[in-house]
């Protein structure tokens, strides 16, 4: 490449076409010396220019599947020794309950989250789907509150609270009844190769459901054993027997508390069977809840048009979002119902 007929990378042309001028001095060959790079020389910059990330705080660790041990939990509270002394003197039952109850709760949470992981409800995490679901849920909540505020009476507010508590109570059992039907229909639609891939996950889901049902069955059995020991056993057994049985009863109750949320979100780990199962189960459950609410509490308050919109609009919107999620799984991730 040249600029104006002159190559800048070559020596200048001599005048009048003569020979090149001699170099300014005699040629000196390179002399031996130290290498240009010394590996032992100090690095001009620090080895770690960025400080390491601080360890997660106590609240963040408590949200995870594994709680810290009791010593780390107490140190994370960051209470001064004087505050601990005042707590022991003024509220010693709470301190004793914390020292005894935290290890018990931690031991119950570990198997609950091992069987029902907190992130097991989505095989394919999609932020767009989660965003739409949150928007729909908040919109439905605001609309329900507006209908109660505009047309509701005190008994309607009490009825709404009762239906909310009823949903929390019957959701796991309704899932246990609905999930096998939806899974059987999806299993029938699938190809033989997909069925072979689904069978191991079906066994895992069935085992997790049996764990949950077994925990619920153990609660009345332990309660009956405590009552029997207190009523029909002798004085010695009737005195310490209930306390011995109370510890496993509390453990099972804590296991149910920690397992219920992830079990409902993952539909007892059926999300591993097929990525579209959570959406299909949600679309089925919402109509079942609408029918149960209409049968137990009657229609929502307001004019007939508002009642119809509130009764049908909520389940219909959930169904639309669920089918949109199924379509998004097919177009983005290649998940097909008949795959």
Protein backbone atom coordinates (compact mmCIF):
# COMPACT_ATOMS: atom_id res chain seq x y z
CA UNK A 1 0.00 0.00 0.00
CA UNK A 2 1.41 3.41 -0.88
CA UNK A 3 0.52 6.95 -0.12
CA UNK A 4 1.12 9.43 -2.97
CA UNK A 5 3.43 7.01 -4.79
CA UNK A 6 5.66 6.44 -1.74
CA UNK A 7 5.67 3.30 0.37
CA UNK A 8 6.06 4.36 4.02
CA UNK A 9 7.41 0.91 4.97
CA UNK A 10 10.44 1.12 2.63
CA UNK A 11 13.42 3.50 2.85
CA UNK A 12 13.04 6.72 0.83
CA UNK A 13 14.02 6.54 -2.83
CA UNK A 14 17.40 8.08 -3.61
CA UNK A 15 17.47 11.23 -5.72
CA UNK A 16 17.97 10.94 -9.50
CA UNK A 17 17.67 7.11 -9.44
CA UNK A 18 21.07 6.65 -7.73
CA UNK A 19 22.00 3.96 -5.18
CA UNK A 20 20.61 3.91 -1.68
CA UNK A 21 22.68 5.77 0.85
CA UNK A 22 24.71 3.64 3.32
CA UNK A 23 23.30 2.97 6.79
CA UNK A 24 24.13 5.53 9.46
CA UNK A 25 26.47 3.16 11.31
CA UNK A 26 28.02 -0.31 11.21
CA UNK A 27 25.72 -3.28 11.74
CA UNK A 28 25.90 -4.64 15.28
CA UNK A 29 24.45 -8.15 15.84
CA UNK A 30 22.16 -8.68 18.84
CA UNK A 31 24.08 -9.43 22.01
CA UNK A 32 23.12 -12.24 24.46
CA UNK A 33 21.31 -11.07 27.52
CA UNK A 34 18.33 -11.81 29.80
CA UNK A 35 15.11 -12.86 28.09
CA UNK A 36 12.60 -10.12 27.42
CA UNK A 37 10.12 -11.72 29.85
CA UNK A 38 11.15 -12.69 33.35
CA UNK A 39 8.58 -15.03 34.93
CA UNK A 40 9.89 -14.19 38.40
CA UNK A 41 9.45 -10.47 37.98
CA UNK A 42 6.62 -8.95 40.08
CA UNK A 43 3.36 -8.54 38.23
CA UNK A 44 2.53 -4.82 37.83
CA UNK A 45 -1.12 -5.44 38.81
CA UNK A 46 -2.58 -7.30 41.80
CA UNK A 47 -3.40 -10.95 41.19
CA UNK A 48 -7.09 -10.41 42.10
CA UNK A 49 -8.18 -6.94 41.06
CA UNK A 50 -11.77 -7.65 42.20
CA UNK A 51 -12.75 -8.46 45.75
CA UNK A 52 -14.46 -11.85 46.27
CA UNK A 53 -18.23 -11.89 46.57
CA UNK A 54 -19.42 -11.74 50.17
CA UNK A 55 -21.15 -14.86 51.48
CA UNK A 56 -24.96 -14.88 51.23
CA UNK A 57 -26.83 -13.42 54.17
CA UNK A 58 -28.93 -15.33 56.66
CA UNK A 59 -32.27 -14.51 55.02
CA UNK A 60 -31.02 -15.63 51.61
CA UNK A 61 -29.76 -18.90 53.04
CA UNK A 62 -33.05 -19.46 54.83
CA UNK A 63 -34.87 -19.23 51.49
CA UNK A 64 -32.79 -22.06 50.08
CA UNK A 65 -33.43 -25.76 50.36
CA UNK A 66 -30.70 -26.25 52.96
CA UNK A 67 -30.85 -24.27 56.20
CA UNK A 68 -27.60 -23.45 58.01
CA UNK A 69 -26.73 -25.31 61.23
CA UNK A 70 -27.82 -23.90 64.57
CA UNK A 71 -24.45 -22.32 65.33
CA UNK A 72 -24.35 -20.47 62.02
CA UNK A 73 -27.98 -19.45 62.44
CA UNK A 74 -27.33 -17.94 65.87
CA UNK A 75 -24.20 -16.17 64.64
CA UNK A 76 -26.15 -14.80 61.69
CA UNK A 77 -28.62 -13.13 64.04
CA UNK A 78 -25.77 -10.86 65.20
CA UNK A 79 -27.14 -10.25 68.67
CA UNK A 80 -24.88 -8.81 71.36
CA UNK A 81 -24.16 -10.83 74.45
CA UNK A 82 -26.18 -8.44 76.60
CA UNK A 83 -29.23 -8.92 74.37
CA UNK A 84 -28.86 -12.70 74.65
CA UNK A 85 -28.66 -12.38 78.45
CA UNK A 86 -31.81 -10.23 78.52
CA UNK A 87 -33.61 -12.69 76.25
CA UNK A 88 -32.66 -15.63 78.49
CA UNK A 89 -33.83 -13.82 81.63
CA UNK A 90 -37.02 -12.26 80.24
CA UNK A 91 -38.15 -14.69 77.54
CA UNK A 92 -36.41 -17.96 78.32
CA UNK A 93 -39.27 -20.14 76.94
CA UNK A 94 -38.77 -18.54 73.52
CA UNK A 95 -35.02 -19.09 73.70
CA UNK A 96 -35.46 -22.73 74.69
CA UNK A 97 -38.05 -23.18 71.96
CA UNK A 98 -35.62 -21.69 69.42
CA UNK A 99 -32.74 -23.90 70.53
CA UNK A 100 -34.92 -27.02 70.37
CA UNK A 101 -37.31 -26.16 67.56
CA UNK A 102 -34.79 -24.92 64.98
CA UNK A 103 -32.84 -28.23 64.72
CA UNK A 104 -36.17 -30.09 64.59
CA UNK A 105 -37.46 -27.84 61.80
CA UNK A 106 -34.16 -28.10 59.93
CA UNK A 107 -34.21 -31.90 60.12
CA UNK A 108 -37.78 -31.92 58.74
CA UNK A 109 -37.07 -29.39 56.00
CA UNK A 110 -34.13 -31.32 54.57
CA UNK A 111 -36.09 -34.44 53.46
CA UNK A 112 -39.10 -32.32 52.47
CA UNK A 113 -37.02 -30.28 50.03
CA UNK A 114 -35.12 -33.34 48.87
CA UNK A 115 -38.38 -35.03 47.85
CA UNK A 116 -40.02 -31.80 46.63
CA UNK A 117 -37.31 -29.35 45.47
CA UNK A 118 -38.24 -25.68 45.49
CA UNK A 119 -37.35 -25.31 41.80
CA UNK A 120 -38.92 -28.54 40.60
CA UNK A 121 -42.12 -26.98 39.25
CA UNK A 122 -40.51 -25.87 35.98
CA UNK A 123 -38.37 -28.10 33.80
CA UNK A 124 -37.92 -25.21 31.36
CA UNK A 125 -37.67 -21.84 33.08
CA UNK A 126 -39.30 -19.14 30.95
CA UNK A 127 -39.25 -15.61 32.34
CA UNK A 128 -41.90 -14.48 29.87
CA UNK A 129 -44.38 -17.11 31.07
CA UNK A 130 -43.67 -16.31 34.73
CA UNK A 131 -44.19 -12.60 34.06
CA UNK A 132 -47.55 -13.18 32.37
CA UNK A 133 -48.68 -15.49 35.17
CA UNK A 134 -47.80 -12.93 37.84
CA UNK A 135 -49.62 -10.19 35.92
CA UNK A 136 -52.73 -12.34 35.56
CA UNK A 137 -52.68 -13.30 39.26
CA UNK A 138 -52.37 -9.68 40.43
CA UNK A 139 -55.07 -8.56 38.00
CA UNK A 140 -57.45 -11.24 39.27
CA UNK A 141 -56.74 -10.26 42.89
CA UNK A 142 -57.39 -6.57 42.21
CA UNK A 143 -60.62 -7.33 40.33
CA UNK A 144 -61.88 -9.56 43.16
CA UNK A 145 -61.17 -6.84 45.72
CA UNK A 146 -62.93 -4.23 43.56
CA UNK A 147 -66.01 -6.45 43.23
CA UNK A 148 -66.08 -7.02 47.00
CA UNK A 149 -65.65 -3.31 47.67
CA UNK A 150 -68.39 -2.31 45.22
CA UNK A 151 -71.04 -4.98 45.76
CA UNK A 152 -69.91 -7.06 48.73
CA UNK A 153 -71.49 -7.30 52.16
CA UNK A 154 -69.81 -8.34 55.41
CA UNK A 155 -70.99 -11.92 54.93
CA UNK A 156 -69.50 -11.91 51.41
CA UNK A 157 -66.10 -10.94 52.85
CA UNK A 158 -66.35 -13.77 55.37
CA UNK A 159 -67.35 -16.16 52.59
CA UNK A 160 -64.33 -15.10 50.49
CA UNK A 161 -62.00 -15.76 53.43
CA UNK A 162 -63.54 -19.18 54.01
CA UNK A 163 -63.18 -20.11 50.34
CA UNK A 164 -59.53 -19.01 50.41
CA UNK A 165 -58.79 -21.23 53.40
CA UNK A 166 -60.74 -24.06 51.81
CA UNK A 167 -58.61 -23.82 48.66
CA UNK A 168 -55.44 -24.00 50.70
CA UNK A 169 -56.76 -27.10 52.45
CA UNK A 170 -58.11 -29.09 49.50
CA UNK A 171 -55.54 -28.14 46.85
CA UNK A 172 -53.11 -31.03 47.60
CA UNK A 173 -55.90 -33.60 47.66
CA UNK A 174 -57.52 -32.22 44.54
CA UNK A 175 -54.13 -32.47 42.83
CA UNK A 176 -53.77 -36.08 43.96
CA UNK A 177 -57.11 -36.85 42.31
CA UNK A 178 -56.67 -34.76 39.17
CA UNK A 179 -53.02 -35.42 38.33
CA UNK A 180 -53.46 -39.15 37.53
CA UNK A 181 -56.32 -38.36 35.14
CA UNK A 182 -54.35 -35.68 33.26
CA UNK A 183 -51.19 -37.79 33.23
CA UNK A 184 -53.11 -40.81 31.91
CA UNK A 185 -54.60 -38.73 29.09
CA UNK A 186 -51.19 -37.30 28.19
CA UNK A 187 -49.60 -40.75 28.41
CA UNK A 188 -52.20 -42.09 25.98
CA UNK A 189 -51.53 -39.28 23.50
CA UNK A 190 -47.76 -39.76 23.58
CA UNK A 191 -45.72 -41.94 21.25
CA UNK A 192 -44.21 -45.26 22.42
CA UNK A 193 -40.74 -43.70 22.68
CA UNK A 194 -42.08 -40.82 24.79
CA UNK A 195 -43.92 -43.28 27.03
CA UNK A 196 -40.71 -45.18 27.72
CA UNK A 197 -39.00 -41.90 28.65
CA UNK A 198 -41.91 -40.90 30.91
CA UNK A 199 -42.12 -44.12 32.95
CA UNK A 200 -39.12 -43.49 35.29
CA UNK A 201 -40.39 -40.00 36.10
CA UNK A 202 -43.87 -41.40 36.72
CA UNK A 203 -42.43 -43.76 39.32
CA UNK A 204 -40.62 -40.86 41.01
CA UNK A 205 -43.80 -38.78 41.06
CA UNK A 206 -45.76 -41.70 42.50
CA UNK A 207 -43.21 -42.19 45.28
CA UNK A 208 -43.31 -38.49 46.21
CA UNK A 209 -47.12 -38.60 46.33
CA UNK A 210 -46.95 -41.64 48.61
CA UNK A 211 -44.54 -39.77 50.91
CA UNK A 212 -47.02 -36.89 51.19
CA UNK A 213 -50.04 -39.13 51.78
CA UNK A 214 -48.06 -41.18 54.29
CA UNK A 215 -47.12 -38.05 56.23
CA UNK A 216 -50.75 -36.96 56.41
CA UNK A 217 -51.79 -40.44 57.49
CA UNK A 218 -49.17 -40.50 60.24
CA UNK A 219 -50.57 -37.37 61.91
CA UNK A 220 -53.89 -38.89 63.13
CA UNK A 221 -52.11 -42.13 64.02
CA UNK A 222 -49.66 -40.31 66.29
CA UNK A 223 -52.46 -38.16 67.70
CA UNK A 224 -54.45 -41.29 68.56
CA UNK A 225 -51.36 -42.88 70.13
CA UNK A 226 -50.82 -39.80 72.31
CA UNK A 227 -54.45 -39.85 73.42
CA UNK A 228 -54.30 -43.59 74.15
CA UNK A 229 -51.06 -43.27 76.14
CA UNK A 230 -52.43 -40.38 78.18
CA UNK A 231 -55.80 -42.01 78.89
CA UNK A 232 -55.31 -45.75 79.18
CA UNK A 233 -51.67 -46.22 80.18
CA UNK A 234 -50.42 -46.16 83.74
CA UNK A 235 -49.31 -43.07 85.56
CA UNK A 236 -45.68 -43.32 84.50
CA UNK A 237 -46.34 -44.09 80.84
CA UNK A 238 -49.24 -41.67 80.72
CA UNK A 239 -46.93 -38.93 81.95
CA UNK A 240 -43.86 -39.25 79.72
CA UNK A 241 -45.37 -41.22 76.82
CA UNK A 242 -47.20 -38.26 75.23
CA UNK A 243 -44.05 -36.13 75.39
CA UNK A 244 -42.06 -38.85 73.62
CA UNK A 245 -44.68 -39.14 70.87
CA UNK A 246 -45.04 -35.37 70.58
CA UNK A 247 -41.59 -35.00 69.01
CA UNK A 248 -42.30 -37.20 65.94
CA UNK A 249 -45.74 -35.60 65.63
CA UNK A 250 -44.19 -32.14 65.44
CA UNK A 251 -41.59 -33.43 62.98
CA UNK A 252 -44.27 -34.82 60.64
CA UNK A 253 -46.28 -31.59 60.85
CA UNK A 254 -43.20 -29.55 59.97
CA UNK A 255 -42.48 -31.92 57.08
CA UNK A 256 -46.00 -31.32 55.73
CA UNK A 257 -45.61 -27.55 56.09
CA UNK A 258 -42.31 -27.48 54.19
CA UNK A 259 -43.42 -29.99 51.54
CA UNK A 260 -46.88 -28.63 50.70
CA UNK A 261 -45.82 -25.53 48.76
CA UNK A 262 -43.29 -27.23 46.43
CA UNK A 263 -45.54 -30.28 46.10
CA UNK A 264 -48.47 -28.18 44.91
CA UNK A 265 -46.31 -26.07 42.56
CA UNK A 266 -44.70 -29.13 40.98
CA UNK A 267 -47.92 -31.18 41.11
CA UNK A 268 -46.02 -33.87 43.04
CA UNK A 269 -43.04 -33.78 40.66
CA UNK A 270 -45.13 -34.47 37.57
CA UNK A 271 -43.31 -31.58 35.85
CA UNK A 272 -40.44 -34.04 35.29
CA UNK A 273 -42.80 -36.38 33.46
CA UNK A 274 -43.71 -33.79 30.81
CA UNK A 275 -42.88 -30.09 30.61
CA UNK A 276 -46.49 -29.19 29.70
CA UNK A 277 -48.07 -30.98 32.67
CA UNK A 278 -48.03 -27.97 35.08
CA UNK A 279 -49.93 -25.86 32.55
CA UNK A 280 -52.44 -28.63 31.81
CA UNK A 281 -53.05 -29.31 35.50
CA UNK A 282 -53.49 -25.61 36.21
CA UNK A 283 -56.09 -25.33 33.47
CA UNK A 284 -58.00 -28.31 34.89
CA UNK A 285 -57.77 -27.30 38.55
CA UNK A 286 -59.04 -23.76 38.03
CA UNK A 287 -62.36 -25.03 36.63
CA UNK A 288 -62.66 -27.54 39.47
CA UNK A 289 -62.14 -24.75 42.00
CA UNK A 290 -64.78 -22.64 40.23
CA UNK A 291 -67.30 -25.48 40.43
CA UNK A 292 -66.49 -26.16 44.10
CA UNK A 293 -66.75 -22.46 44.98
CA UNK A 294 -70.10 -22.15 43.21
CA UNK A 295 -71.44 -25.25 44.97
CA UNK A 296 -70.27 -24.26 48.47
CA UNK A 297 -70.51 -20.45 48.50
CA UNK A 298 -72.79 -19.53 45.62
CA UNK A 299 -72.07 -16.93 42.93
CA UNK A 300 -69.98 -13.83 43.67
CA UNK A 301 -71.76 -10.58 44.66
CA UNK A 302 -72.99 -8.04 42.13
CA UNK A 303 -75.37 -7.84 39.16
CA UNK A 304 -75.81 -10.95 36.98
CA UNK A 305 -73.36 -9.69 34.36
CA UNK A 306 -70.70 -9.04 37.01
CA UNK A 307 -71.36 -12.43 38.58
CA UNK A 308 -70.95 -14.18 35.23
CA UNK A 309 -67.77 -12.26 34.44
CA UNK A 310 -66.27 -13.02 37.87
CA UNK A 311 -67.30 -16.68 37.75
CA UNK A 312 -66.10 -17.42 34.22
CA UNK A 313 -63.47 -14.71 33.63
CA UNK A 314 -60.97 -16.02 36.18
CA UNK A 315 -60.90 -19.66 35.01
CA UNK A 316 -61.04 -18.58 31.37
CA UNK A 317 -58.03 -16.27 31.75
CA UNK A 318 -56.04 -19.02 33.50
CA UNK A 319 -56.92 -21.44 30.70
CA UNK A 320 -55.82 -18.96 28.03
CA UNK A 321 -52.48 -18.42 29.77
CA UNK A 322 -52.02 -22.18 30.19
CA UNK A 323 -52.63 -22.90 26.50
CA UNK A 324 -50.37 -20.01 25.55
CA UNK A 325 -47.66 -21.60 27.70
CA UNK A 326 -48.21 -24.96 25.97
CA UNK A 327 -47.92 -23.26 22.57
CA UNK A 328 -44.78 -21.42 23.70
CA UNK A 329 -43.25 -24.71 24.82
CA UNK A 330 -43.96 -26.18 21.39
CA UNK A 331 -42.65 -23.25 19.34
CA UNK A 332 -39.60 -22.38 21.45
CA UNK A 333 -38.51 -25.67 22.98
CA UNK A 334 -40.06 -28.30 20.72
CA UNK A 335 -42.22 -29.83 23.48
CA UNK A 336 -45.24 -31.52 21.93
CA UNK A 337 -48.21 -33.15 23.60
CA UNK A 338 -48.10 -36.04 21.15
CA UNK A 339 -44.30 -36.26 21.15
